[in-house]
Amino acid sequence: MNESTTSLPWLVIRQDDNGNRYRVGRYATRAEAQKIADSLDSRGHKQLYWVERIGQGQTQTQAQGQAQAQNGDGTRN
């Protein structure tokens, strides 16, 4: 792990109606990331938001359909 990974290990991920996944942001604490995810989720859109930790996300991602999160520009992480 590099320094940026250890200082911002929590990701907020968004999945759109077509199943595409995007990294929304990186955060220092789970609580901070969850607050952002909850705020975005409360807007009532059909997108799904969740929090995962770098290094543990692969297991969660596999459970949610084997897709990896994508950057906002559509490239893979």
Protein backbone atom coordinates (compact mmCIF):
# COMPACT_ATOMS: atom_id res chain seq x y z
CA MET A 1 0.00 0.00 0.00
CA ASN A 2 1.20 3.46 -0.72
CA GLU A 3 0.75 6.53 1.48
CA SER A 4 -2.41 7.77 -0.25
CA THR A 5 -4.04 4.35 0.10
CA THR A 6 -3.43 4.24 3.83
CA SER A 7 -4.57 7.82 4.45
CA LEU A 8 -7.80 7.55 2.38
CA PRO A 9 -8.74 3.87 2.54
CA TRP A 10 -12.55 4.23 2.29
CA LEU A 11 -14.33 4.51 -1.06
CA VAL A 12 -17.87 5.52 -1.95
CA ILE A 13 -19.02 3.60 -5.02
CA ARG A 14 -22.05 4.36 -7.21
CA GLN A 15 -23.81 1.91 -9.49
CA ASP A 16 -26.09 3.38 -12.15
CA ASP A 17 -29.20 1.92 -13.79
CA ASN A 18 -27.09 0.10 -16.38
CA GLY A 19 -24.87 -1.63 -13.83
CA ASN A 20 -21.87 0.65 -14.43
CA ARG A 21 -19.88 1.34 -11.28
CA TYR A 22 -17.97 4.51 -10.49
CA ARG A 23 -15.75 5.67 -7.66
CA VAL A 24 -17.38 8.77 -6.17
CA GLY A 25 -14.61 9.62 -3.70
CA ARG A 26 -12.03 8.45 -1.18
CA TYR A 27 -12.26 9.21 2.54
CA ALA A 28 -10.18 8.84 5.68
CA THR A 29 -12.85 7.18 7.82
CA ARG A 30 -15.73 4.81 7.24
CA ALA A 31 -18.06 7.23 9.04
CA GLU A 32 -17.13 10.04 6.66
CA ALA A 33 -17.63 7.82 3.61
CA GLN A 34 -20.94 6.49 4.94
CA LYS A 35 -22.20 10.03 5.56
CA ILE A 36 -21.52 10.90 1.90
CA ALA A 37 -23.11 7.69 0.64
CA ASP A 38 -26.20 8.23 2.79
CA SER A 39 -26.49 11.84 1.62
CA LEU A 40 -26.30 10.82 -2.04
CA ASP A 41 -28.69 7.91 -1.52
CA SER A 42 -31.28 10.16 0.15
CA ARG A 43 -31.66 12.20 -3.04
CA GLY A 44 -34.05 9.55 -4.33
CA HIS A 45 -32.30 8.65 -7.58
CA LYS A 46 -32.20 5.06 -8.75
CA GLN A 47 -28.45 4.79 -8.30
CA LEU A 48 -27.04 2.56 -5.59
CA TYR A 49 -24.31 3.86 -3.30
CA TRP A 50 -22.11 1.88 -0.91
CA VAL A 51 -18.89 2.10 1.05
CA GLU A 52 -15.95 -0.26 0.76
CA ARG A 53 -12.43 -0.30 2.10
CA ILE A 54 -9.48 -0.47 -0.29
CA GLY A 55 -8.13 -4.01 -0.16
CA GLN A 56 -11.45 -5.43 1.00
CA GLY A 57 -13.56 -4.15 -1.88
CA GLN A 58 -12.67 -7.03 -4.17
CA THR A 59 -14.69 -9.46 -2.03
CA GLN A 60 -17.66 -7.07 -1.89
CA THR A 61 -17.41 -6.35 -5.59
CA GLN A 62 -17.38 -10.06 -6.45
CA ALA A 63 -20.50 -10.52 -4.37
CA GLN A 64 -22.18 -7.70 -6.30
CA GLY A 65 -21.64 -9.06 -9.77
CA GLN A 66 -17.91 -9.47 -10.46
CA ALA A 67 -17.57 -5.89 -11.81
CA GLN A 68 -14.89 -3.49 -10.63
CA ALA A 69 -15.51 0.16 -9.79
CA GLN A 70 -14.75 2.58 -12.57
CA ASN A 71 -13.29 6.07 -12.42
CA GLY A 72 -15.58 8.93 -13.42
CA ASP A 73 -14.04 8.92 -16.92
CA GLY A 74 -15.09 5.30 -17.49
CA THR A 75 -11.63 3.77 -17.09
CA ARG A 76 -11.10 0.86 -14.78
CA ASN A 77 -9.31 1.27 -11.43
